[in-house]
C-alpha atoms as a PDB file:
ATOM      1  CA  UNK A   1      22.270  -3.861 -37.935  1.00  0.00           C
ATOM      2  CA  UNK A   2      20.120  -0.963 -38.690  1.00  0.00           C
ATOM      3  CA  UNK A   3      16.714  -3.705 -39.097  1.00  0.00           C
ATOM      4  CA  UNK A   4      17.830  -5.314 -36.030  1.00  0.00           C
ATOM      5  CA  UNK A   5      17.596  -1.673 -34.119  1.00  0.00           C
ATOM      6  CA  UNK A   6      14.654  -0.864 -36.133  1.00  0.00           C
ATOM      7  CA  UNK A   7      12.717  -4.093 -34.877  1.00  0.00           C
ATOM      8  CA  UNK A   8      14.238  -3.649 -31.441  1.00  0.00           C
ATOM      9  CA  UNK A   9      12.739  -0.118 -31.566  1.00  0.00           C
ATOM     10  CA  UNK A  10       9.373  -0.956 -32.810  1.00  0.00           C
ATOM     11  CA  UNK A  11       9.209  -3.811 -30.603  1.00  0.00           C
ATOM     12  CA  UNK A  12      10.130  -1.345 -27.161  1.00  0.00           C
ATOM     13  CA  UNK A  13       7.277   0.727 -28.911  1.00  0.00           C
ATOM     14  CA  UNK A  14       4.686  -2.056 -28.926  1.00  0.00           C
ATOM     15  CA  UNK A  15       5.731  -3.217 -25.174  1.00  0.00           C
ATOM     16  CA  UNK A  16       5.509   0.916 -23.921  1.00  0.00           C
ATOM     17  CA  UNK A  17       1.600   1.204 -25.465  1.00  0.00           C
ATOM     18  CA  UNK A  18       0.915  -1.891 -24.302  1.00  0.00           C
ATOM     19  CA  UNK A  19       1.892  -1.423 -20.674  1.00  0.00           C
ATOM     20  CA  UNK A  20       0.364   2.423 -20.693  1.00  0.00           C
ATOM     21  CA  UNK A  21      -3.283   0.676 -22.371  1.00  0.00           C
ATOM     22  CA  UNK A  22      -3.516  -1.539 -19.163  1.00  0.00           C
ATOM     23  CA  UNK A  23      -2.735   1.229 -16.891  1.00  0.00           C
ATOM     24  CA  UNK A  24      -5.702   3.038 -16.457  1.00  0.00           C
ATOM     25  CA  UNK A  25      -5.333   7.608 -16.142  1.00  0.00           C
ATOM     26  CA  UNK A  26      -7.502   8.536 -13.832  1.00  0.00           C
ATOM     27  CA  UNK A  27      -6.616  12.140 -14.541  1.00  0.00           C
ATOM     28  CA  UNK A  28      -7.340  12.001 -17.990  1.00  0.00           C
ATOM     29  CA  UNK A  29     -10.807  10.701 -17.406  1.00  0.00           C
ATOM     30  CA  UNK A  30     -12.214  13.403 -15.195  1.00  0.00           C
ATOM     31  CA  UNK A  31     -11.195  15.799 -17.230  1.00  0.00           C
ATOM     32  CA  UNK A  32     -14.786  16.151 -18.121  1.00  0.00           C
ATOM     33  CA  UNK A  33     -15.573  16.889 -14.794  1.00  0.00           C
ATOM     34  CA  UNK A  34     -14.816  20.668 -15.635  1.00  0.00           C
ATOM     35  CA  UNK A  35     -14.425  20.819 -19.521  1.00  0.00           C
ATOM     36  CA  UNK A  36     -13.968  24.101 -19.811  1.00  0.00           C
ATOM     37  CA  UNK A  37     -11.315  24.816 -17.860  1.00  0.00           C
ATOM     38  CA  UNK A  38      -8.054  23.772 -19.551  1.00  0.00           C
ATOM     39  CA  UNK A  39      -5.947  23.884 -16.467  1.00  0.00           C
ATOM     40  CA  UNK A  40      -8.387  21.622 -14.153  1.00  0.00           C
ATOM     41  CA  UNK A  41      -6.145  18.557 -14.982  1.00  0.00           C
ATOM     42  CA  UNK A  42      -2.748  20.850 -14.698  1.00  0.00           C
ATOM     43  CA  UNK A  43      -4.705  21.595 -10.916  1.00  0.00           C
ATOM     44  CA  UNK A  44      -4.951  17.858 -10.209  1.00  0.00           C
ATOM     45  CA  UNK A  45      -1.442  16.944 -10.815  1.00  0.00           C
ATOM     46  CA  UNK A  46       0.347  19.503  -8.843  1.00  0.00           C
ATOM     47  CA  UNK A  47      -2.196  18.753  -5.761  1.00  0.00           C
ATOM     48  CA  UNK A  48      -0.613  15.144  -5.998  1.00  0.00           C
ATOM     49  CA  UNK A  49       2.573  16.623  -6.180  1.00  0.00           C
ATOM     50  CA  UNK A  50       1.998  18.789  -3.140  1.00  0.00           C
ATOM     51  CA  UNK A  51       0.870  16.088  -1.183  1.00  0.00           C
ATOM     52  CA  UNK A  52       3.935  14.212  -1.843  1.00  0.00           C
ATOM     53  CA  UNK A  53       6.441  16.892  -1.485  1.00  0.00           C
ATOM     54  CA  UNK A  54       5.154  19.258   1.067  1.00  0.00           C
ATOM     55  CA  UNK A  55       4.860  19.958   4.961  1.00  0.00           C
ATOM     56  CA  UNK A  56       0.902  18.299   6.059  1.00  0.00           C
ATOM     57  CA  UNK A  57       0.192  21.770   7.264  1.00  0.00           C
ATOM     58  CA  UNK A  58       0.450  23.234   3.105  1.00  0.00           C
ATOM     59  CA  UNK A  59      -0.555  19.737   1.729  1.00  0.00           C
ATOM     60  CA  UNK A  60      -4.292  20.739   4.372  1.00  0.00           C
ATOM     61  CA  UNK A  61      -4.430  24.362   2.997  1.00  0.00           C
ATOM     62  CA  UNK A  62      -3.951  23.672  -0.693  1.00  0.00           C
ATOM     63  CA  UNK A  63      -6.789  20.591  -0.682  1.00  0.00           C
ATOM     64  CA  UNK A  64      -8.901  22.562   0.873  1.00  0.00           C
ATOM     65  CA  UNK A  65      -8.534  25.242  -1.540  1.00  0.00           C
ATOM     66  CA  UNK A  66      -8.738  22.688  -4.750  1.00  0.00           C
ATOM     67  CA  UNK A  67     -11.942  21.293  -3.243  1.00  0.00           C
ATOM     68  CA  UNK A  68     -13.481  24.658  -2.568  1.00  0.00           C
ATOM     69  CA  UNK A  69     -12.416  26.660  -5.648  1.00  0.00           C
ATOM     70  CA  UNK A  70     -13.054  23.795  -8.168  1.00  0.00           C
ATOM     71  CA  UNK A  71     -16.294  22.328  -6.096  1.00  0.00           C
ATOM     72  CA  UNK A  72     -15.060  18.799  -6.029  1.00  0.00           C
ATOM     73  CA  UNK A  73     -17.007  15.919  -4.561  1.00  0.00           C
ATOM     74  CA  UNK A  74     -16.348  15.069  -0.908  1.00  0.00           C
ATOM     75  CA  UNK A  75     -19.538  12.475  -0.497  1.00  0.00           C
ATOM     76  CA  UNK A  76     -21.250  10.837  -2.817  1.00  0.00           C
ATOM     77  CA  UNK A  77     -24.407  12.986  -3.128  1.00  0.00           C
ATOM     78  CA  UNK A  78     -25.163  13.562  -6.816  1.00  0.00           C
ATOM     79  CA  UNK A  79     -23.399  10.338  -7.739  1.00  0.00           C
ATOM     80  CA  UNK A  80     -24.329   7.613  -9.861  1.00  0.00           C
ATOM     81  CA  UNK A  81     -24.674   4.027  -8.678  1.00  0.00           C
ATOM     82  CA  UNK A  82     -21.932   2.110  -9.587  1.00  0.00           C
ATOM     83  CA  UNK A  83     -18.491   0.944  -9.122  1.00  0.00           C
ATOM     84  CA  UNK A  84     -15.476   3.870  -9.256  1.00  0.00           C
ATOM     85  CA  UNK A  85     -11.783   3.570  -9.251  1.00  0.00           C
ATOM     86  CA  UNK A  86      -9.645   6.395  -8.802  1.00  0.00           C
ATOM     87  CA  UNK A  87      -5.979   6.400  -8.872  1.00  0.00           C
ATOM     88  CA  UNK A  88      -2.954   8.732  -8.714  1.00  0.00           C
ATOM     89  CA  UNK A  89       0.175   9.493 -10.854  1.00  0.00           C
ATOM     90  CA  UNK A  90       3.156   7.291  -9.549  1.00  0.00           C
ATOM     91  CA  UNK A  91       5.008   8.969  -6.572  1.00  0.00           C
ATOM     92  CA  UNK A  92       8.858   9.359  -6.403  1.00  0.00           C
ATOM     93  CA  UNK A  93       8.744   5.858  -4.873  1.00  0.00           C
ATOM     94  CA  UNK A  94       6.575   4.348  -7.624  1.00  0.00           C
ATOM     95  CA  UNK A  95       3.275   4.064  -5.782  1.00  0.00           C
ATOM     96  CA  UNK A  96       0.326   5.266  -6.981  1.00  0.00           C
ATOM     97  CA  UNK A  97      -2.773   5.474  -4.623  1.00  0.00           C
ATOM     98  CA  UNK A  98      -5.699   3.306  -5.750  1.00  0.00           C
ATOM     99  CA  UNK A  99      -9.252   3.203  -4.543  1.00  0.00           C
ATOM    100  CA  UNK A 100     -12.306   1.244  -5.631  1.00  0.00           C
ATOM    101  CA  UNK A 101     -15.701   2.606  -4.413  1.00  0.00           C
ATOM    102  CA  UNK A 102     -19.208   1.434  -4.791  1.00  0.00           C
ATOM    103  CA  UNK A 103     -22.381   3.832  -4.786  1.00  0.00           C
ATOM    104  CA  UNK A 104     -25.710   3.460  -3.896  1.00  0.00           C
ATOM    105  CA  UNK A 105     -27.998   5.576  -3.496  1.00  0.00           C
ATOM    106  CA  UNK A 106     -25.564   8.362  -3.082  1.00  0.00           C
ATOM    107  CA  UNK A 107     -23.661   6.608  -0.131  1.00  0.00           C
ATOM    108  CA  UNK A 108     -20.530   4.846  -0.554  1.00  0.00           C
ATOM    109  CA  UNK A 109     -21.266   1.196   0.016  1.00  0.00           C
ATOM    110  CA  UNK A 110     -17.928  -0.053  -0.471  1.00  0.00           C
ATOM    111  CA  UNK A 111     -14.109   0.773  -0.496  1.00  0.00           C
ATOM    112  CA  UNK A 112     -11.071  -0.665  -0.808  1.00  0.00           C
ATOM    113  CA  UNK A 113      -7.821   1.581  -0.550  1.00  0.00           C
ATOM    114  CA  UNK A 114      -3.942   0.604  -1.182  1.00  0.00           C
ATOM    115  CA  UNK A 115      -1.428   2.140  -2.104  1.00  0.00           C
ATOM    116  CA  UNK A 116       0.202   0.094  -5.214  1.00  0.00           C
ATOM    117  CA  UNK A 117       3.780  -0.292  -6.183  1.00  0.00           C
ATOM    118  CA  UNK A 118       5.055  -0.596 -10.015  1.00  0.00           C
ATOM    119  CA  UNK A 119       5.868  -4.379  -9.059  1.00  0.00           C
ATOM    120  CA  UNK A 120       2.012  -4.495  -8.656  1.00  0.00           C
ATOM    121  CA  UNK A 121       2.247  -5.267  -4.800  1.00  0.00           C
ATOM    122  CA  UNK A 122       0.026  -3.284  -2.089  1.00  0.00           C
ATOM    123  CA  UNK A 123       1.532  -1.643   0.535  1.00  0.00           C
ATOM    124  CA  UNK A 124      -0.894  -3.744   2.714  1.00  0.00           C
ATOM    125  CA  UNK A 125       0.160  -6.767   1.975  1.00  0.00           C
ATOM    126  CA  UNK A 126       4.054  -5.902   1.784  1.00  0.00           C
ATOM    127  CA  UNK A 127       5.171  -7.561   4.808  1.00  0.00           C
ATOM    128  CA  UNK A 128       8.646  -5.678   4.529  1.00  0.00           C
ATOM    129  CA  UNK A 129       7.363  -2.543   4.461  1.00  0.00           C
ATOM    130  CA  UNK A 130       4.709  -3.410   6.427  1.00  0.00           C
ATOM    131  CA  UNK A 131       7.571  -4.099   9.126  1.00  0.00           C
ATOM    132  CA  UNK A 132       9.622  -0.979   8.404  1.00  0.00           C
ATOM    133  CA  UNK A 133       6.730   1.398   8.773  1.00  0.00           C
ATOM    134  CA  UNK A 134       5.757  -0.269  12.158  1.00  0.00           C
ATOM    135  CA  UNK A 135       8.211   1.727  14.140  1.00  0.00           C
ATOM    136  CA  UNK A 136       5.668   4.800  13.517  1.00  0.00           C
ATOM    137  CA  UNK A 137       3.087   2.838  15.582  1.00  0.00           C
ATOM    138  CA  UNK A 138       0.769   1.686  12.539  1.00  0.00           C
ATOM    139  CA  UNK A 139       0.810   0.019   9.152  1.00  0.00           C
ATOM    140  CA  UNK A 140      -0.614   0.379   6.041  1.00  0.00           C
ATOM    141  CA  UNK A 141      -2.725  -2.862   7.097  1.00  0.00           C
ATOM    142  CA  UNK A 142      -3.771  -1.442   9.877  1.00  0.00           C
ATOM    143  CA  UNK A 143      -4.328   2.575   8.756  1.00  0.00           C
ATOM    144  CA  UNK A 144      -5.811   1.831   5.245  1.00  0.00           C
ATOM    145  CA  UNK A 145      -9.050  -0.268   6.949  1.00  0.00           C
ATOM    146  CA  UNK A 146      -9.334   2.468   9.744  1.00  0.00           C
ATOM    147  CA  UNK A 147      -9.667   5.037   7.018  1.00  0.00           C
ATOM    148  CA  UNK A 148     -11.901   2.960   4.843  1.00  0.00           C
ATOM    149  CA  UNK A 149     -14.177   2.065   7.962  1.00  0.00           C
ATOM    150  CA  UNK A 150     -14.341   5.930   8.939  1.00  0.00           C
ATOM    151  CA  UNK A 151     -15.063   6.848   5.265  1.00  0.00           C
ATOM    152  CA  UNK A 152     -18.406   4.431   5.556  1.00  0.00           C
ATOM    153  CA  UNK A 153     -19.373   5.582   8.547  1.00  0.00           C
ATOM    154  CA  UNK A 154     -19.018   9.176   8.135  1.00  0.00           C
ATOM    155  CA  UNK A 155     -19.549   9.600   4.130  1.00  0.00           C
ATOM    156  CA  UNK A 156     -17.795  12.164   3.710  1.00  0.00           C
ATOM    157  CA  UNK A 157     -14.204  12.015   3.168  1.00  0.00           C
ATOM    158  CA  UNK A 158     -13.286  15.438   4.825  1.00  0.00           C
ATOM    159  CA  UNK A 159     -14.333  14.017   7.790  1.00  0.00           C
ATOM    160  CA  UNK A 160     -12.326  11.125   8.141  1.00  0.00           C
ATOM    161  CA  UNK A 161      -9.392  11.656  10.567  1.00  0.00           C
ATOM    162  CA  UNK A 162      -5.754  10.921   9.729  1.00  0.00           C
ATOM    163  CA  UNK A 163      -4.381   7.894  11.606  1.00  0.00           C
ATOM    164  CA  UNK A 164      -1.119   9.011  13.933  1.00  0.00           C
ATOM    165  CA  UNK A 165       1.443   7.779  11.730  1.00  0.00           C
ATOM    166  CA  UNK A 166       0.346   7.545   8.165  1.00  0.00           C
ATOM    167  CA  UNK A 167      -0.794  11.017   7.908  1.00  0.00           C
ATOM    168  CA  UNK A 168      -0.245  11.529   4.215  1.00  0.00           C
ATOM    169  CA  UNK A 169      -1.903   8.294   3.621  1.00  0.00           C
ATOM    170  CA  UNK A 170      -5.368  10.102   4.437  1.00  0.00           C
ATOM    171  CA  UNK A 171      -4.532  12.765   1.992  1.00  0.00           C
ATOM    172  CA  UNK A 172      -3.583  10.517  -0.554  1.00  0.00           C
ATOM    173  CA  UNK A 173      -7.224   8.490  -0.003  1.00  0.00           C
ATOM    174  CA  UNK A 174      -8.639  11.713  -0.595  1.00  0.00           C
ATOM    175  CA  UNK A 175      -7.038  12.439  -3.818  1.00  0.00           C
ATOM    176  CA  UNK A 176      -8.092   9.502  -4.947  1.00  0.00           C
ATOM    177  CA  UNK A 177     -11.498   9.156  -3.864  1.00  0.00           C
ATOM    178  CA  UNK A 178     -11.951  12.559  -5.257  1.00  0.00           C
ATOM    179  CA  UNK A 179     -11.275  10.995  -8.643  1.00  0.00           C
ATOM    180  CA  UNK A 180     -13.409   8.317  -8.181  1.00  0.00           C
ATOM    181  CA  UNK A 181     -16.013  11.096  -6.847  1.00  0.00           C
ATOM    182  CA  UNK A 182     -15.893  13.060 -10.080  1.00  0.00           C
ATOM    183  CA  UNK A 183     -16.393  10.056 -12.372  1.00  0.00           C
ATOM    184  CA  UNK A 184     -19.584   9.284 -10.553  1.00  0.00           C
ATOM    185  CA  UNK A 185     -20.765  12.491 -11.280  1.00  0.00           C
ATOM    186  CA  UNK A 186     -19.456  12.613 -14.558  1.00  0.00           C
ATOM    187  CA  UNK A 187     -21.532   9.385 -15.009  1.00  0.00           C
ATOM    188  CA  UNK A 188     -24.738  10.681 -13.504  1.00  0.00           C
ATOM    189  CA  UNK A 189     -25.088  13.727 -15.889  1.00  0.00           C
ATOM    190  CA  UNK A 190     -24.851  11.254 -18.793  1.00  0.00           C
END
């Protein structure tokens, strides 16, 4: 019995480590943006928590303060050409906020944003989720492309306006874009 339990424990550990390896940790990668600040990653974790649990006016205030105090990028200025992914930790509903941006000549030339459940399903593609959210006047399938198009046009995430009914998604997008832009700045320094 002891041997079976030991084998089961090892099997669970292997499965757990495998799933961790497959999932990237954007927050771990961006520690290099402020390597001398031991609390930098904690600040970003806290920001994610605030986005998920606070009234929107507090989210807006704290987000702007963090951008300013850490000199975080809001555009592709000073960024290396390439494709970058930013993703948040999972929220209380098991979604992570994920973005892939492509940068060329200090401009964002493509963006793909989604909020992806642990099951792998994105909110944009989840017909059931979209139907439930439609009572707000929008859905992820409508709101996310709107936010993406605004970013491509304005080239500054702080100039992107919220879509009515999806205000928190604006801050989730900004959060993920910030992580991707930090990676692009780190790449430029290498």
